[in-house]
Every structure is written in C-alpha cells, then in structure tokens.
Amino acid sequence: MTQIKDTRAAPAPRLDKILDLLPTAVRAYVKSAADKAIFSSGEKECISEIRLRVGGVSSVTARGLAYPIGITLTDAYMDEIIHALTDGSLYAHAETIRDGYIFSHGIR
C-alpha cells in the first residue's frame, strides 16, 4: 500500500500536482473521486489523503470520509506511480517508504 498524504487540507494546486504524477488511466479515477469529495464538502482544499492499494480498495479522503476511487490497481500501475513519486530513486525514499508513505514534490 502506498499513500500520498498531506496532514493539512491539500490546496487545489497540490492536488493538480499529484494528479500529474499518476498514470493517465489512474488519474481519471482519482480525479473523479476527488471531484465527488470536493462537491460533497463544498471546499476545493478538503482533500487530505489519497490511498493507493494494489488489489485493494483505493480511496480519496476528505473531511474524514473515504471516497472509493473505483479502480483496482495492478502491480504495473503501482510501479509506474512509485517511479514517478520517487523520481526513479527508491533508495532516496527508502525510510519513508518503510513508514508507509512517500514524501515527494513537497507532499507527503
């Protein structure tokens, strides 16, 4: 399981930055779930977490509520996502990966 998390509410530019790092097919599902979360809360800055899981339920969290992403991630998708988030250097991110998250592009 890999999660992209900001402990504060993520401003819209950060969400756009995260979406840009995702494979095109995955990006559409994450954006759809994020749009539902934003619509429900009425605030664009409400997204606090995106959880991506291979073979499990992935979700976008806003104001404590999880919105399912609706796609089952494959190993290939996750490899592509991790490569993008780590700029191709797993070693540089090994400590945070062991803790269950990746700090990348100013976002945890």
C-alpha atoms as a PDB file:
ATOM      1  CA  MET A   1       0.000   0.000   0.000  1.00  0.00           C
ATOM      2  CA  THR A   2       1.250   3.458  -0.855  1.00  0.00           C
ATOM      3  CA  GLN A   3      -0.393   6.574   0.355  1.00  0.00           C
ATOM      4  CA  ILE A   4       0.006  10.174  -0.593  1.00  0.00           C
ATOM      5  CA  LYS A   5      -0.915  12.236   2.402  1.00  0.00           C
ATOM      6  CA  ASP A   6      -0.750  15.833   3.486  1.00  0.00           C
ATOM      7  CA  THR A   7      -1.524  16.281   7.182  1.00  0.00           C
ATOM      8  CA  ARG A   8      -3.226  19.591   6.345  1.00  0.00           C
ATOM      9  CA  ALA A   9      -6.010  20.030   3.831  1.00  0.00           C
ATOM     10  CA  ALA A  10      -4.409  19.873   0.393  1.00  0.00           C
ATOM     11  CA  PRO A  11      -4.833  23.053  -1.628  1.00  0.00           C
ATOM     12  CA  ALA A  12      -6.000  22.587  -5.202  1.00  0.00           C
ATOM     13  CA  PRO A  13      -2.531  23.184  -6.748  1.00  0.00           C
ATOM     14  CA  ARG A  14      -1.192  20.258  -4.722  1.00  0.00           C
ATOM     15  CA  LEU A  15      -3.995  18.026  -5.937  1.00  0.00           C
ATOM     16  CA  ASP A  16      -3.181  19.019  -9.508  1.00  0.00           C
ATOM     17  CA  LYS A  17       0.496  18.249  -8.862  1.00  0.00           C
ATOM     18  CA  ILE A  18      -0.387  14.795  -7.525  1.00  0.00           C
ATOM     19  CA  LEU A  19      -2.717  14.068 -10.435  1.00  0.00           C
ATOM     20  CA  ASP A  20       0.050  14.973 -12.881  1.00  0.00           C
ATOM     21  CA  LEU A  21       2.241  12.231 -11.352  1.00  0.00           C
ATOM     22  CA  LEU A  22      -0.331   9.469 -11.862  1.00  0.00           C
ATOM     23  CA  PRO A  23      -0.695   7.294 -14.963  1.00  0.00           C
ATOM     24  CA  THR A  24      -3.420   8.634 -17.257  1.00  0.00           C
ATOM     25  CA  ALA A  25      -5.836   5.738 -16.633  1.00  0.00           C
ATOM     26  CA  VAL A  26      -5.467   6.029 -12.844  1.00  0.00           C
ATOM     27  CA  ARG A  27      -5.593   9.843 -12.891  1.00  0.00           C
ATOM     28  CA  ALA A  28      -9.139   9.868 -14.279  1.00  0.00           C
ATOM     29  CA  TYR A  29     -10.435   7.673 -11.445  1.00  0.00           C
ATOM     30  CA  VAL A  30      -8.631   9.649  -8.730  1.00  0.00           C
ATOM     31  CA  LYS A  31      -9.869  12.935 -10.176  1.00  0.00           C
ATOM     32  CA  SER A  32     -13.449  11.629 -10.280  1.00  0.00           C
ATOM     33  CA  ALA A  33     -13.317  10.565  -6.613  1.00  0.00           C
ATOM     34  CA  ALA A  34     -11.677  13.875  -5.655  1.00  0.00           C
ATOM     35  CA  ASP A  35     -14.388  15.803  -7.512  1.00  0.00           C
ATOM     36  CA  LYS A  36     -17.066  13.899  -5.556  1.00  0.00           C
ATOM     37  CA  ALA A  37     -15.281  14.692  -2.282  1.00  0.00           C
ATOM     38  CA  ILE A  38     -14.919  18.369  -3.204  1.00  0.00           C
ATOM     39  CA  PHE A  39     -18.571  18.573  -4.291  1.00  0.00           C
ATOM     40  CA  SER A  40     -19.745  16.937  -1.030  1.00  0.00           C
ATOM     41  CA  SER A  41     -17.688  19.227   1.194  1.00  0.00           C
ATOM     42  CA  GLY A  42     -18.053  22.383  -0.882  1.00  0.00           C
ATOM     43  CA  GLU A  43     -14.348  23.171  -0.457  1.00  0.00           C
ATOM     44  CA  LYS A  44     -11.625  22.579  -3.015  1.00  0.00           C
ATOM     45  CA  GLU A  45      -8.985  22.328  -0.277  1.00  0.00           C
ATOM     46  CA  CYS A  46     -10.717  19.459   1.563  1.00  0.00           C
ATOM     47  CA  ILE A  47      -8.657  16.512   0.221  1.00  0.00           C
ATOM     48  CA  SER A  48      -6.364  15.232   2.968  1.00  0.00           C
ATOM     49  CA  GLU A  49      -5.300  11.835   1.657  1.00  0.00           C
ATOM     50  CA  ILE A  50      -5.135   9.626  -1.394  1.00  0.00           C
ATOM     51  CA  ARG A  51      -4.643   5.933  -0.611  1.00  0.00           C
ATOM     52  CA  LEU A  52      -3.500   3.726  -3.460  1.00  0.00           C
ATOM     53  CA  ARG A  53      -3.539  -0.065  -2.946  1.00  0.00           C
ATOM     54  CA  VAL A  54      -2.663  -2.881  -5.311  1.00  0.00           C
ATOM     55  CA  GLY A  55      -5.559  -5.331  -5.463  1.00  0.00           C
ATOM     56  CA  GLY A  56      -7.499  -3.482  -2.767  1.00  0.00           C
ATOM     57  CA  VAL A  57      -9.810  -0.533  -2.370  1.00  0.00           C
ATOM     58  CA  SER A  58      -8.098   2.763  -3.162  1.00  0.00           C
ATOM     59  CA  SER A  59      -9.695   5.979  -1.952  1.00  0.00           C
ATOM     60  CA  VAL A  60      -9.618   9.747  -1.637  1.00  0.00           C
ATOM     61  CA  THR A  61     -10.249  11.095   1.883  1.00  0.00           C
ATOM     62  CA  ALA A  62     -11.901  14.424   2.586  1.00  0.00           C
ATOM     63  CA  ARG A  63     -13.091  15.624   5.980  1.00  0.00           C
ATOM     64  CA  GLY A  64     -12.700  12.106   7.378  1.00  0.00           C
ATOM     65  CA  LEU A  65     -14.844  10.441   4.701  1.00  0.00           C
ATOM     66  CA  ALA A  66     -13.348   7.997   2.190  1.00  0.00           C
ATOM     67  CA  TYR A  67     -14.478   8.157  -1.427  1.00  0.00           C
ATOM     68  CA  PRO A  68     -13.579   4.966  -3.355  1.00  0.00           C
ATOM     69  CA  ILE A  69     -11.506   5.501  -6.460  1.00  0.00           C
ATOM     70  CA  GLY A  70     -13.178   2.698  -8.407  1.00  0.00           C
ATOM     71  CA  ILE A  71     -10.158   1.059  -9.995  1.00  0.00           C
ATOM     72  CA  THR A  72      -8.156  -1.934  -8.834  1.00  0.00           C
ATOM     73  CA  LEU A  73      -4.505  -1.031  -9.210  1.00  0.00           C
ATOM     74  CA  THR A  74      -2.159  -3.530 -10.789  1.00  0.00           C
ATOM     75  CA  ASP A  75       1.484  -4.043  -9.899  1.00  0.00           C
ATOM     76  CA  ALA A  76       2.408  -2.310 -13.166  1.00  0.00           C
ATOM     77  CA  TYR A  77       0.371   0.800 -12.284  1.00  0.00           C
ATOM     78  CA  MET A  78       1.876   0.923  -8.804  1.00  0.00           C
ATOM     79  CA  ASP A  79       5.406   0.541 -10.185  1.00  0.00           C
ATOM     80  CA  GLU A  80       4.738   3.483 -12.515  1.00  0.00           C
ATOM     81  CA  ILE A  81       3.300   5.584  -9.679  1.00  0.00           C
ATOM     82  CA  ILE A  82       6.180   4.822  -7.310  1.00  0.00           C
ATOM     83  CA  HIS A  83       8.716   5.580 -10.038  1.00  0.00           C
ATOM     84  CA  ALA A  84       7.068   8.977 -10.668  1.00  0.00           C
ATOM     85  CA  LEU A  85       6.772   9.830  -6.960  1.00  0.00           C
ATOM     86  CA  THR A  86      10.393   8.910  -6.201  1.00  0.00           C
ATOM     87  CA  ASP A  87      11.850  10.431  -9.373  1.00  0.00           C
ATOM     88  CA  GLY A  88      13.220   6.963 -10.087  1.00  0.00           C
ATOM     89  CA  SER A  89      15.193   6.727  -6.829  1.00  0.00           C
ATOM     90  CA  LEU A  90      13.699   4.250  -4.379  1.00  0.00           C
ATOM     91  CA  TYR A  91      16.863   4.422  -2.280  1.00  0.00           C
ATOM     92  CA  ALA A  92      16.391   8.147  -1.594  1.00  0.00           C
ATOM     93  CA  HIS A  93      12.880   7.461  -0.266  1.00  0.00           C
ATOM     94  CA  ALA A  94      13.550   4.144   1.490  1.00  0.00           C
ATOM     95  CA  GLU A  95      12.976   5.482   5.015  1.00  0.00           C
ATOM     96  CA  THR A  96       9.559   6.983   4.330  1.00  0.00           C
ATOM     97  CA  ILE A  97       8.517   4.003   2.199  1.00  0.00           C
ATOM     98  CA  ARG A  98       9.258   1.750   5.190  1.00  0.00           C
ATOM     99  CA  ASP A  99       6.921   4.004   7.208  1.00  0.00           C
ATOM    100  CA  GLY A 100       4.169   3.528   4.600  1.00  0.00           C
ATOM    101  CA  TYR A 101       4.227   6.773   2.662  1.00  0.00           C
ATOM    102  CA  ILE A 102       6.278   8.727   0.136  1.00  0.00           C
ATOM    103  CA  PHE A 103       7.257  12.366   0.596  1.00  0.00           C
ATOM    104  CA  SER A 104       7.509  13.761  -2.916  1.00  0.00           C
ATOM    105  CA  HIS A 105       7.298  17.146  -4.586  1.00  0.00           C
ATOM    106  CA  GLY A 106       6.554  18.822  -1.244  1.00  0.00           C
ATOM    107  CA  ILE A 107       3.676  16.461  -0.457  1.00  0.00           C
ATOM    108  CA  ARG A 108       3.546  13.586   1.997  1.00  0.00           C
END
